[in-house]
Amino acid sequence: MDPARMEQGDGSAEFAPTDQGGGREEFAAMFGATRRGARLARRVAVRHLAAWGHHPGTDLSGTVALLVAELAGNAVRHGRVPGRDFRLAVRLDRARALVRVEVADACALLPPAVRPVPADDDESGRGLLLVDALADRWGAEPRDPVGKTVWAEVSAAATEGR
């Protein structure tokens, strides 16, 4: 994993607003911090992308589905605090041809910038390696008042029409 591609911030990064007249689409919701909640988050993200013109079966839809699955799965496995849900936000910025996926959970521990590659027989430990391979940029930042947000961005232009 290339640590230069993983960014850690101070929680102040915002998705830059663009033309609200169709140039930007946004969805955000809370999901239960369970495997079922993670699956539902992935399905809902794919449905919203389809409503925005990026239908299932396209590279963008598949990439976003995998990013949501990995980030939501990590929030459930590693960021779960009893009684707390996780938040998923998906944003499409048509002007910048960019999709941003954000998953916020109640655990303040940020993922390490450099992770060892898991052994072949390890059953876990590949999620952020996959995020690193799929995303153009990704990172993690503290979230006020508690927790963290892990985000990933992918170009909508590079995957359009494939």
Protein backbone atom coordinates (compact mmCIF):
# COMPACT_ATOMS: atom_id res chain seq x y z
CA MET A 1 0.00 0.00 0.00
CA ASP A 2 1.37 3.40 -0.96
CA PRO A 3 1.18 5.65 2.15
CA ALA A 4 1.31 8.73 -0.08
CA ARG A 5 -2.15 7.80 -1.39
CA MET A 6 -3.61 7.54 2.12
CA GLU A 7 -4.20 10.88 3.76
CA GLN A 8 -4.98 11.63 7.37
CA GLY A 9 -6.59 14.94 8.11
CA ASP A 10 -7.89 17.01 10.96
CA GLY A 11 -11.57 16.50 10.20
CA SER A 12 -11.94 19.82 8.41
CA ALA A 13 -11.94 18.51 4.82
CA GLU A 14 -15.23 19.09 3.06
CA PHE A 15 -16.54 18.00 -0.30
CA ALA A 16 -16.29 21.17 -2.37
CA PRO A 17 -19.74 22.36 -3.42
CA THR A 18 -20.42 22.65 -7.12
CA ASP A 19 -23.39 23.64 -9.24
CA GLN A 20 -26.45 22.52 -7.29
CA GLY A 21 -28.53 22.47 -10.49
CA GLY A 22 -27.77 18.86 -11.35
CA GLY A 23 -24.00 19.06 -11.03
CA ARG A 24 -23.88 17.40 -7.65
CA GLU A 25 -25.78 14.47 -6.19
CA GLU A 26 -25.58 13.45 -2.56
CA PHE A 27 -26.89 10.70 -0.31
CA ALA A 28 -26.25 10.10 3.39
CA ALA A 29 -27.83 7.75 5.92
CA MET A 30 -27.17 5.89 9.15
CA PHE A 31 -26.95 2.09 9.15
CA GLY A 32 -26.81 -0.45 11.96
CA ALA A 33 -23.25 -1.49 12.81
CA THR A 34 -23.93 -5.08 11.76
CA ARG A 35 -23.04 -7.21 8.73
CA ARG A 36 -26.63 -6.73 7.59
CA GLY A 37 -26.21 -2.94 7.88
CA ALA A 38 -23.02 -3.10 5.79
CA ARG A 39 -24.78 -5.13 3.06
CA LEU A 40 -27.71 -2.72 3.07
CA ALA A 41 -25.35 0.26 2.77
CA ARG A 42 -23.76 -1.28 -0.34
CA ARG A 43 -27.14 -1.97 -1.95
CA VAL A 44 -28.46 1.51 -1.21
CA ALA A 45 -25.30 3.12 -2.62
CA VAL A 46 -25.68 1.13 -5.86
CA ARG A 47 -29.34 2.15 -6.13
CA HIS A 48 -28.48 5.83 -5.71
CA LEU A 49 -25.74 5.60 -8.35
CA ALA A 50 -28.28 4.02 -10.72
CA ALA A 51 -30.70 6.88 -10.07
CA TRP A 52 -27.85 9.25 -10.92
CA GLY A 53 -27.23 7.49 -14.26
CA HIS A 54 -24.49 5.00 -13.30
CA HIS A 55 -26.27 1.67 -13.51
CA PRO A 56 -25.30 -1.68 -11.96
CA GLY A 57 -22.86 -3.52 -14.18
CA THR A 58 -20.84 -0.40 -14.99
CA ASP A 59 -17.28 -0.12 -13.72
CA LEU A 60 -18.15 2.90 -11.57
CA SER A 61 -21.06 1.14 -9.89
CA GLY A 62 -18.95 -1.95 -9.22
CA THR A 63 -16.05 0.08 -7.87
CA VAL A 64 -18.27 2.13 -5.57
CA ALA A 65 -20.03 -1.04 -4.39
CA LEU A 66 -16.67 -2.58 -3.45
CA LEU A 67 -15.50 0.59 -1.71
CA VAL A 68 -18.71 0.82 0.31
CA ALA A 69 -18.54 -2.88 1.17
CA GLU A 70 -14.96 -2.63 2.44
CA LEU A 71 -15.35 0.65 4.33
CA ALA A 72 -18.70 -0.34 5.86
CA GLY A 73 -17.35 -3.78 6.71
CA ASN A 74 -14.38 -2.19 8.46
CA ALA A 75 -16.70 0.14 10.39
CA VAL A 76 -18.66 -2.89 11.59
CA ARG A 77 -15.62 -5.05 12.42
CA HIS A 78 -13.14 -2.50 13.74
CA GLY A 79 -15.06 0.70 14.50
CA ARG A 80 -18.09 -0.69 16.21
CA VAL A 81 -19.11 0.84 19.51
CA PRO A 82 -22.13 -0.88 21.12
CA GLY A 83 -25.30 1.10 20.53
CA ARG A 84 -23.75 3.26 17.78
CA ASP A 85 -24.47 3.08 14.06
CA PHE A 86 -22.22 4.04 11.17
CA ARG A 87 -22.90 6.78 8.63
CA LEU A 88 -22.51 6.37 4.88
CA ALA A 89 -22.33 9.33 2.52
CA VAL A 90 -21.95 9.04 -1.26
CA ARG A 91 -21.43 12.14 -3.36
CA LEU A 92 -21.25 12.50 -7.12
CA ASP A 93 -19.72 15.71 -8.41
CA ARG A 94 -20.40 15.77 -12.15
CA ALA A 95 -18.32 18.91 -12.76
CA ARG A 96 -15.24 17.24 -11.28
CA ALA A 97 -16.24 13.74 -12.51
CA LEU A 98 -15.68 12.45 -9.00
CA VAL A 99 -17.43 10.11 -6.60
CA ARG A 100 -16.60 10.30 -2.90
CA VAL A 101 -17.59 7.59 -0.44
CA GLU A 102 -17.41 8.36 3.28
CA VAL A 103 -18.03 5.96 6.15
CA ALA A 104 -18.03 7.38 9.67
CA ASP A 105 -18.06 5.31 12.85
CA ALA A 106 -17.80 5.96 16.59
CA CYS A 107 -14.26 4.60 17.09
CA ALA A 108 -11.61 7.34 17.13
CA LEU A 109 -8.74 5.00 16.20
CA LEU A 110 -7.52 5.91 12.69
CA PRO A 111 -6.31 3.17 10.37
CA PRO A 112 -2.53 3.02 10.01
CA ALA A 113 -1.06 4.70 6.93
CA VAL A 114 1.14 1.67 6.27
CA ARG A 115 -0.26 -1.81 6.78
CA PRO A 116 1.64 -5.05 6.43
CA VAL A 117 0.52 -7.32 3.62
CA PRO A 118 -1.34 -10.24 5.20
CA ALA A 119 -0.04 -13.78 4.82
CA ASP A 120 -1.68 -15.94 2.16
CA ASP A 121 -3.56 -17.95 4.78
CA ASP A 122 -4.82 -14.92 6.76
CA GLU A 123 -8.60 -14.64 6.60
CA SER A 124 -8.69 -10.84 6.90
CA GLY A 125 -6.50 -7.77 6.56
CA ARG A 126 -6.99 -7.03 2.87
CA GLY A 127 -9.80 -4.46 3.00
CA LEU A 128 -7.72 -1.29 2.98
CA LEU A 129 -5.33 -2.82 0.44
CA LEU A 130 -8.35 -3.21 -1.83
CA VAL A 131 -9.49 0.36 -1.10
CA ASP A 132 -5.98 1.58 -1.93
CA ALA A 133 -6.03 -0.32 -5.23
CA LEU A 134 -9.51 0.89 -6.27
CA ALA A 135 -9.52 4.51 -5.12
CA ASP A 136 -7.72 7.43 -6.73
CA ARG A 137 -7.29 8.87 -3.22
CA TRP A 138 -8.39 7.80 0.22
CA GLY A 139 -7.86 8.83 3.78
CA ALA A 140 -9.11 9.00 7.33
CA GLU A 141 -9.77 11.90 9.65
CA PRO A 142 -11.11 12.46 13.15
CA ARG A 143 -14.81 13.20 13.41
CA ASP A 144 -16.36 15.61 15.92
CA PRO A 145 -17.46 14.99 18.58
CA VAL A 146 -16.25 11.38 18.50
CA GLY A 147 -15.09 8.82 15.98
CA LYS A 148 -13.55 8.96 12.55
CA THR A 149 -14.46 9.17 8.88
CA VAL A 150 -12.71 6.99 6.33
CA TRP A 151 -13.21 8.19 2.76
CA ALA A 152 -12.31 7.18 -0.77
CA GLU A 153 -12.55 9.04 -4.07
CA VAL A 154 -12.77 7.56 -7.53
CA SER A 155 -12.96 9.24 -10.92
CA ALA A 156 -16.35 8.95 -12.56
CA ALA A 157 -14.87 9.92 -15.93
CA ALA A 158 -12.28 7.14 -16.02
CA THR A 159 -14.94 4.47 -15.52
CA GLU A 160 -17.78 5.96 -17.56
CA GLY A 161 -18.99 3.84 -20.44
CA ARG A 162 -17.08 0.72 -19.44
